[in-house]
């Protein structure tokens, strides 16, 4: 196996798939990347057995072949090099990989490609063309609320619901919930509800570049193809919680405020909250919102007041500041609206005005205020 490639092109290509490589695995071969060279087309594959990513890199090939190479050493070497032409050659019997530039030579011990687990052939059952910019947007706006709790596996992924007229993405960790709905997408084919694991979402967000892609699903997997990159992920085969049942319908107290002002205020005041609870307090009346925090253990406290529009009776409610910062950071709007019921019921947060065909709803649970 032998080919010539620009070191920077090689590194950029592998960066798109390296995130799936486990740093430590009970199956050490998974810490490698599989390379398969055919003429001037180099296919690189990485997998952790749940998610697989492949990319095709254009090279100048002179000898076809396959090999697996330790991902970390290869990528560390490529990152440390300037943009130079590199000759990569592999000894078929010893699996030694040589990286040669005009000024250096580096040898890495690879392994036989036969040891690398076969990536299962994907048989598509349902397919959609999808705008990559839009897909990035919904992942960026929802995935932050996915639960890390493996005891509740359904909530460790994003629910994707696609009908002929509407696409909806939902994520929740039990403390906050995000529901992103869009209508009016052309040529949308209905698919069964799927739950995409958070790792796949993270890899998608990092590797997507082309304007258009193809999303296909079957009973157990989902696949995204865009440009020269293909990502295949096992779906979370669990029943997603009935999220609609937790969205309150009777939150009649409304507070409208500039998003950036509130976000900056919460970040400052939260510096004085308890490092354990991160509790902040919202006190609302007429045209004023007071944001306050107190650290009982260390004697610190902070409070700020902001102008707002509030149409309910005076009320105090507590929140975990981390959740509020997350919600506000992922809302793309100048003004946002909170809707409240009482201090122990969930608050609903959304942009004060929605774009055509778009509906974003976020929900955050309150925390019990200290006396």
Protein backbone atom coordinates (compact mmCIF):
# COMPACT_ATOMS: atom_id res chain seq x y z
CA UNK A 1 0.00 0.00 0.00
CA UNK A 2 1.46 3.35 -1.02
CA UNK A 3 0.11 6.82 -1.72
CA UNK A 4 1.02 10.51 -1.69
CA UNK A 5 -1.10 13.12 0.07
CA UNK A 6 -0.90 16.61 1.53
CA UNK A 7 -0.40 16.33 5.29
CA UNK A 8 -3.00 19.03 5.97
CA UNK A 9 -5.62 17.36 3.75
CA UNK A 10 -4.90 14.04 5.43
CA UNK A 11 -5.22 15.58 8.89
CA UNK A 12 -8.44 17.46 8.07
CA UNK A 13 -10.05 14.34 6.69
CA UNK A 14 -9.13 12.19 9.67
CA UNK A 15 -10.26 14.90 12.11
CA UNK A 16 -13.82 14.32 10.91
CA UNK A 17 -13.79 10.68 12.01
CA UNK A 18 -11.34 10.65 14.93
CA UNK A 19 -14.02 11.60 17.48
CA UNK A 20 -15.56 8.14 17.27
CA UNK A 21 -12.28 6.38 18.16
CA UNK A 22 -12.36 5.27 21.82
CA UNK A 23 -9.32 6.37 23.85
CA UNK A 24 -9.30 3.04 25.65
CA UNK A 25 -11.19 -0.05 24.62
CA UNK A 26 -11.48 -3.65 25.71
CA UNK A 27 -11.04 -4.33 21.99
CA UNK A 28 -7.72 -2.54 21.25
CA UNK A 29 -8.16 -2.67 17.46
CA UNK A 30 -10.94 -0.08 17.83
CA UNK A 31 -8.25 2.45 18.79
CA UNK A 32 -7.08 2.19 15.18
CA UNK A 33 -8.39 3.66 11.93
CA UNK A 34 -8.94 1.32 9.00
CA UNK A 35 -7.51 2.46 5.65
CA UNK A 36 -8.45 0.96 2.30
CA UNK A 37 -6.70 2.34 -0.81
CA UNK A 38 -8.09 1.75 -4.29
CA UNK A 39 -6.33 3.73 -7.03
CA UNK A 40 -6.56 7.40 -6.00
CA UNK A 41 -9.31 6.93 -3.43
CA UNK A 42 -8.41 6.35 0.22
CA UNK A 43 -11.29 5.27 2.45
CA UNK A 44 -10.75 5.73 6.21
CA UNK A 45 -13.11 4.12 8.73
CA UNK A 46 -13.40 4.48 12.51
CA UNK A 47 -15.90 2.79 14.81
CA UNK A 48 -16.71 2.09 18.46
CA UNK A 49 -19.21 -0.61 17.36
CA UNK A 50 -22.14 1.73 18.07
CA UNK A 51 -21.20 4.57 15.71
CA UNK A 52 -19.14 4.22 12.54
CA UNK A 53 -17.79 7.08 10.43
CA UNK A 54 -16.05 6.81 7.08
CA UNK A 55 -14.55 9.39 4.76
CA UNK A 56 -13.02 9.20 1.29
CA UNK A 57 -9.83 11.23 0.80
CA UNK A 58 -8.39 12.00 -2.64
CA UNK A 59 -4.76 10.89 -2.83
CA UNK A 60 -2.22 9.94 -5.48
CA UNK A 61 -2.19 6.17 -5.13
CA UNK A 62 0.54 3.90 -6.46
CA UNK A 63 -0.14 0.58 -4.70
CA UNK A 64 -3.54 -0.56 -3.42
CA UNK A 65 -3.92 -2.19 -0.01
CA UNK A 66 -5.46 -2.09 3.45
CA UNK A 67 -4.12 -1.59 6.96
CA UNK A 68 -5.20 -0.26 10.36
CA UNK A 69 -3.14 2.45 12.05
CA UNK A 70 -3.24 3.64 15.69
CA UNK A 71 -5.36 6.80 15.50
CA UNK A 72 -3.76 8.82 18.27
CA UNK A 73 -0.15 8.55 17.11
CA UNK A 74 -1.06 9.16 13.48
CA UNK A 75 -3.16 12.24 14.24
CA UNK A 76 -0.64 13.67 16.70
CA UNK A 77 2.04 13.34 14.02
CA UNK A 78 -0.08 14.99 11.33
CA UNK A 79 -1.08 17.87 13.63
CA UNK A 80 2.57 18.63 14.40
CA UNK A 81 3.62 18.81 10.74
CA UNK A 82 3.44 21.87 8.48
CA UNK A 83 1.54 21.55 5.20
CA UNK A 84 3.87 19.27 3.25
CA UNK A 85 3.57 16.50 0.70
CA UNK A 86 3.78 13.12 2.38
CA UNK A 87 4.40 9.63 1.06
CA UNK A 88 2.69 6.91 3.07
CA UNK A 89 3.82 3.34 2.51
CA UNK A 90 2.87 0.11 4.27
CA UNK A 91 4.80 -3.15 4.42
CA UNK A 92 2.19 -5.84 3.73
CA UNK A 93 3.89 -8.50 5.87
CA UNK A 94 4.96 -6.50 8.96
CA UNK A 95 2.21 -3.82 8.74
CA UNK A 96 4.83 -1.15 9.42
CA UNK A 97 3.61 2.24 8.23
CA UNK A 98 6.14 4.82 7.05
CA UNK A 99 5.27 8.49 6.75
CA UNK A 100 7.91 10.26 4.68
CA UNK A 101 8.36 13.98 4.01
CA UNK A 102 11.29 15.86 2.51
CA UNK A 103 12.77 16.38 5.96
CA UNK A 104 11.56 13.47 8.07
CA UNK A 105 10.55 9.83 8.28
CA UNK A 106 8.18 8.38 10.89
CA UNK A 107 7.37 4.72 11.45
CA UNK A 108 4.20 3.46 13.10
CA UNK A 109 3.37 -0.18 13.71
CA UNK A 110 -0.01 -0.88 12.22
CA UNK A 111 -2.15 -4.01 12.33
CA UNK A 112 -3.85 -6.25 9.80
CA UNK A 113 -7.16 -4.96 8.48
CA UNK A 114 -8.56 -8.45 9.03
CA UNK A 115 -8.59 -7.76 12.79
CA UNK A 116 -10.82 -4.70 12.35
CA UNK A 117 -14.53 -5.39 12.94
CA UNK A 118 -16.60 -5.43 9.78
CA UNK A 119 -18.91 -2.45 9.51
CA UNK A 120 -22.40 -3.92 8.96
CA UNK A 121 -23.96 -3.32 5.57
CA UNK A 122 -26.66 -0.69 5.94
CA UNK A 123 -29.99 -1.53 4.35
CA UNK A 124 -32.10 1.61 4.08
CA UNK A 125 -35.84 1.43 4.67
CA UNK A 126 -36.74 5.14 4.84
CA UNK A 127 -34.89 8.04 3.22
CA UNK A 128 -34.92 11.84 3.24
CA UNK A 129 -32.88 14.53 1.57
CA UNK A 130 -31.90 16.97 4.30
CA UNK A 131 -30.31 20.40 4.43
CA UNK A 132 -27.06 20.12 6.39
CA UNK A 133 -27.15 23.71 7.67
CA UNK A 134 -30.63 23.05 9.02
CA UNK A 135 -29.58 19.73 10.57
CA UNK A 136 -26.67 21.43 12.32
CA UNK A 137 -29.07 24.03 13.65
CA UNK A 138 -31.49 21.57 15.22
CA UNK A 139 -28.66 19.52 16.73
CA UNK A 140 -27.03 22.64 18.16
CA UNK A 141 -30.35 23.82 19.55
CA UNK A 142 -31.42 20.59 21.23
CA UNK A 143 -28.53 18.20 21.95
CA UNK A 144 -27.31 20.18 24.98
CA UNK A 145 -30.42 19.01 26.88
CA UNK A 146 -29.77 15.29 26.31
CA UNK A 147 -29.40 13.32 29.56
CA UNK A 148 -26.03 11.74 30.49
CA UNK A 149 -27.82 9.25 32.78
CA UNK A 150 -27.32 5.78 31.31
CA UNK A 151 -29.96 4.41 33.69
CA UNK A 152 -32.51 6.23 31.51
CA UNK A 153 -31.23 5.19 28.07
CA UNK A 154 -34.08 6.71 26.04
CA UNK A 155 -33.18 10.17 27.32
CA UNK A 156 -29.49 9.84 26.37
CA UNK A 157 -30.41 10.65 22.77
CA UNK A 158 -32.44 13.11 20.71
CA UNK A 159 -35.91 12.06 19.59
CA UNK A 160 -36.47 12.75 15.90
CA UNK A 161 -40.03 12.72 14.56
CA UNK A 162 -40.62 13.24 10.86
CA UNK A 163 -44.02 13.36 9.18
CA UNK A 164 -44.78 14.42 5.64
CA UNK A 165 -45.28 18.02 6.78
CA UNK A 166 -43.22 18.46 9.93
CA UNK A 167 -39.86 17.65 11.50
CA UNK A 168 -39.57 17.69 15.27
CA UNK A 169 -36.52 17.20 17.49
CA UNK A 170 -36.82 16.71 21.26
CA UNK A 171 -34.26 16.36 24.03
CA UNK A 172 -34.68 16.24 27.81
CA UNK A 173 -32.75 15.27 30.91
CA UNK A 174 -35.71 15.52 33.30
CA UNK A 175 -34.72 19.01 34.48
CA UNK A 176 -35.12 20.79 31.15
CA UNK A 177 -36.67 19.98 27.81
CA UNK A 178 -36.26 21.35 24.31
CA UNK A 179 -38.74 20.84 21.49
CA UNK A 180 -37.78 22.18 18.06
CA UNK A 181 -40.46 21.98 15.36
CA UNK A 182 -40.24 23.07 11.75
CA UNK A 183 -42.82 22.92 8.98
CA UNK A 184 -42.77 23.59 5.28
CA UNK A 185 -39.74 21.46 4.41
CA UNK A 186 -40.02 20.29 0.81
CA UNK A 187 -39.96 16.64 -0.17
CA UNK A 188 -40.03 15.35 3.41
CA UNK A 189 -40.85 11.67 3.73
CA UNK A 190 -42.36 10.37 6.95
CA UNK A 191 -40.15 8.06 9.01
CA UNK A 192 -40.73 6.12 12.19
CA UNK A 193 -39.76 7.95 15.40
CA UNK A 194 -36.05 7.42 16.12
CA UNK A 195 -33.75 8.23 19.05
CA UNK A 196 -30.26 9.25 17.95
CA UNK A 197 -27.46 8.77 20.57
CA UNK A 198 -25.71 11.91 21.80
CA UNK A 199 -22.29 10.74 20.55
CA UNK A 200 -23.61 10.47 17.01
CA UNK A 201 -25.12 13.95 17.31
CA UNK A 202 -21.81 15.40 18.47
CA UNK A 203 -19.90 13.75 15.62
CA UNK A 204 -22.47 14.95 13.09
CA UNK A 205 -22.21 18.53 14.27
CA UNK A 206 -18.41 18.45 13.95
CA UNK A 207 -18.12 16.73 10.59
CA UNK A 208 -20.96 18.12 8.46
CA UNK A 209 -19.88 20.57 5.76
CA UNK A 210 -21.84 20.09 2.54
CA UNK A 211 -25.10 21.91 1.89
CA UNK A 212 -27.20 18.82 1.18
CA UNK A 213 -27.14 15.31 2.56
CA UNK A 214 -29.14 12.12 2.72
CA UNK A 215 -30.62 10.69 5.93
CA UNK A 216 -31.72 7.07 5.85
CA UNK A 217 -33.07 4.83 8.59
CA UNK A 218 -34.02 1.25 9.25
CA UNK A 219 -35.30 -0.54 12.35
CA UNK A 220 -31.98 -0.41 14.20
CA UNK A 221 -29.71 2.20 12.57
CA UNK A 222 -29.63 5.69 11.07
CA UNK A 223 -27.19 6.83 8.41
CA UNK A 224 -26.17 10.29 7.22
CA UNK A 225 -24.28 10.81 3.97
CA UNK A 226 -22.85 14.20 3.05
CA UNK A 227 -20.09 14.77 0.55
CA UNK A 228 -17.37 12.17 1.08
CA UNK A 229 -18.44 11.39 4.65
CA UNK A 230 -20.81 8.67 5.87
CA UNK A 231 -21.91 8.30 9.50
CA UNK A 232 -23.86 5.26 10.64
CA UNK A 233 -25.19 4.94 14.18
CA UNK A 234 -27.14 2.36 16.09
CA UNK A 235 -30.43 3.82 17.30
CA UNK A 236 -31.50 3.76 20.94
CA UNK A 237 -34.23 1.15 20.83
CA UNK A 238 -36.25 2.38 23.80
CA UNK A 239 -39.60 4.11 24.20
CA UNK A 240 -39.18 7.86 24.58
CA UNK A 241 -41.02 9.46 27.52
CA UNK A 242 -44.34 11.14 26.81
CA UNK A 243 -42.79 14.59 26.75
CA UNK A 244 -46.01 16.34 25.71
CA UNK A 245 -47.59 15.44 29.04
CA UNK A 246 -45.05 17.50 31.01
CA UNK A 247 -45.44 20.70 28.98
CA UNK A 248 -47.77 22.94 31.02
CA UNK A 249 -50.71 24.46 29.20
CA UNK A 250 -51.86 26.87 31.93
CA UNK A 251 -48.78 29.09 32.41
CA UNK A 252 -50.49 32.47 32.21
CA UNK A 253 -47.88 34.77 33.81
CA UNK A 254 -45.71 36.15 31.03
CA UNK A 255 -42.29 37.83 31.26
CA UNK A 256 -40.59 39.24 28.17
CA UNK A 257 -36.98 40.41 28.32
CA UNK A 258 -33.88 40.97 26.18
CA UNK A 259 -32.08 37.66 25.97
CA UNK A 260 -28.51 38.99 26.03
CA UNK A 261 -29.19 41.21 29.06
CA UNK A 262 -30.66 38.37 31.07
CA UNK A 263 -27.93 35.93 30.04
CA UNK A 264 -25.18 38.33 31.10
CA UNK A 265 -26.94 39.07 34.39
CA UNK A 266 -27.45 35.39 35.26
CA UNK A 267 -23.81 34.63 34.51
CA UNK A 268 -22.62 37.41 36.83
CA UNK A 269 -25.02 36.70 39.67
CA UNK A 270 -24.41 32.95 39.47
CA UNK A 271 -20.80 33.55 40.49
CA UNK A 272 -22.22 34.16 43.97
CA UNK A 273 -24.50 31.13 44.09
CA UNK A 274 -23.84 27.92 46.00
CA UNK A 275 -21.28 25.75 44.24
CA UNK A 276 -23.51 22.79 45.11
CA UNK A 277 -26.97 23.96 44.06
CA UNK A 278 -26.13 26.85 41.66
CA UNK A 279 -29.42 28.34 42.83
CA UNK A 280 -30.53 31.76 41.63
CA UNK A 281 -33.75 33.60 42.43
CA UNK A 282 -36.03 35.46 40.02
CA UNK A 283 -38.28 38.06 41.66
CA UNK A 284 -40.82 39.58 39.26
CA UNK A 285 -43.12 42.57 39.41
CA UNK A 286 -44.61 44.88 36.78
CA UNK A 287 -41.67 46.09 34.68
CA UNK A 288 -38.82 44.73 36.81
CA UNK A 289 -37.00 41.44 37.21
CA UNK A 290 -34.58 40.99 40.08
CA UNK A 291 -31.96 38.25 39.75
CA UNK A 292 -30.28 37.25 43.02
CA UNK A 293 -28.03 34.56 44.47
CA UNK A 294 -26.57 33.80 47.88
CA UNK A 295 -23.78 31.47 48.95
CA UNK A 296 -24.66 30.65 52.56
CA UNK A 297 -21.51 28.60 53.09
CA UNK A 298 -19.08 31.38 52.14
CA UNK A 299 -21.15 34.48 52.82
CA UNK A 300 -21.28 35.84 49.27
CA UNK A 301 -24.34 37.31 47.62
CA UNK A 302 -25.29 39.29 44.53
CA UNK A 303 -28.40 40.87 43.08
CA UNK A 304 -29.25 42.78 39.92
CA UNK A 305 -32.40 44.33 38.49
CA UNK A 306 -33.43 44.35 34.85
CA UNK A 307 -36.20 46.02 32.91
CA UNK A 308 -38.77 43.65 31.49
CA UNK A 309 -42.45 43.31 30.62
CA UNK A 310 -44.32 41.19 33.18
CA UNK A 311 -48.09 40.79 33.32
CA UNK A 312 -48.68 38.63 36.40
CA UNK A 313 -48.84 39.14 40.15
CA UNK A 314 -45.54 39.43 42.02
CA UNK A 315 -43.76 36.09 42.26
CA UNK A 316 -40.43 34.56 43.26
CA UNK A 317 -39.09 31.40 41.69
CA UNK A 318 -35.77 29.58 41.93
CA UNK A 319 -33.70 27.96 39.18
CA UNK A 320 -30.42 26.16 38.69
CA UNK A 321 -28.36 28.89 36.98
CA UNK A 322 -26.56 26.33 34.80
CA UNK A 323 -29.83 25.34 33.16
CA UNK A 324 -30.89 28.94 32.60
CA UNK A 325 -27.54 29.80 30.99
CA UNK A 326 -27.81 26.74 28.73
CA UNK A 327 -31.30 27.63 27.57
CA UNK A 328 -30.52 31.28 26.92
CA UNK A 329 -27.25 30.43 25.13
CA UNK A 330 -29.05 28.15 22.69
CA UNK A 331 -31.92 30.49 21.83
CA UNK A 332 -31.32 32.54 18.69
CA UNK A 333 -33.54 35.52 19.47
CA UNK A 334 -33.21 39.12 20.61
CA UNK A 335 -36.15 38.86 23.02
CA UNK A 336 -37.40 35.82 24.86
CA UNK A 337 -40.54 35.11 26.84
CA UNK A 338 -40.90 33.10 30.05
CA UNK A 339 -44.34 31.79 30.96
CA UNK A 340 -44.93 30.86 34.61
CA UNK A 341 -47.67 29.27 36.63
CA UNK A 342 -46.36 29.12 40.21
CA UNK A 343 -42.98 28.66 41.95
CA UNK A 344 -43.13 24.86 41.88
CA UNK A 345 -44.30 24.34 38.28
CA UNK A 346 -42.11 24.22 35.19
CA UNK A 347 -41.46 27.46 33.31
CA UNK A 348 -41.77 27.57 29.52
CA UNK A 349 -39.21 29.61 27.55
CA UNK A 350 -39.42 30.55 23.88
CA UNK A 351 -38.41 33.31 21.46
CA UNK A 352 -40.85 36.23 21.68
CA UNK A 353 -41.32 35.98 17.91
CA UNK A 354 -40.79 32.85 15.84
CA UNK A 355 -39.45 32.60 12.32
CA UNK A 356 -41.91 31.40 9.69
CA UNK A 357 -42.35 27.65 9.88
CA UNK A 358 -40.36 27.35 13.11
CA UNK A 359 -41.44 26.76 16.69
CA UNK A 360 -38.98 26.46 19.58
CA UNK A 361 -40.13 25.61 23.08
CA UNK A 362 -37.87 25.10 26.08
CA UNK A 363 -38.98 23.99 29.52
CA UNK A 364 -37.04 24.29 32.76
CA UNK A 365 -37.95 22.91 36.17
CA UNK A 366 -37.66 25.26 39.18
CA UNK A 367 -35.79 24.50 42.39
CA UNK A 368 -37.19 25.04 45.86
CA UNK A 369 -36.06 28.38 47.24
CA UNK A 370 -34.14 28.62 50.47
CA UNK A 371 -36.15 30.22 53.26
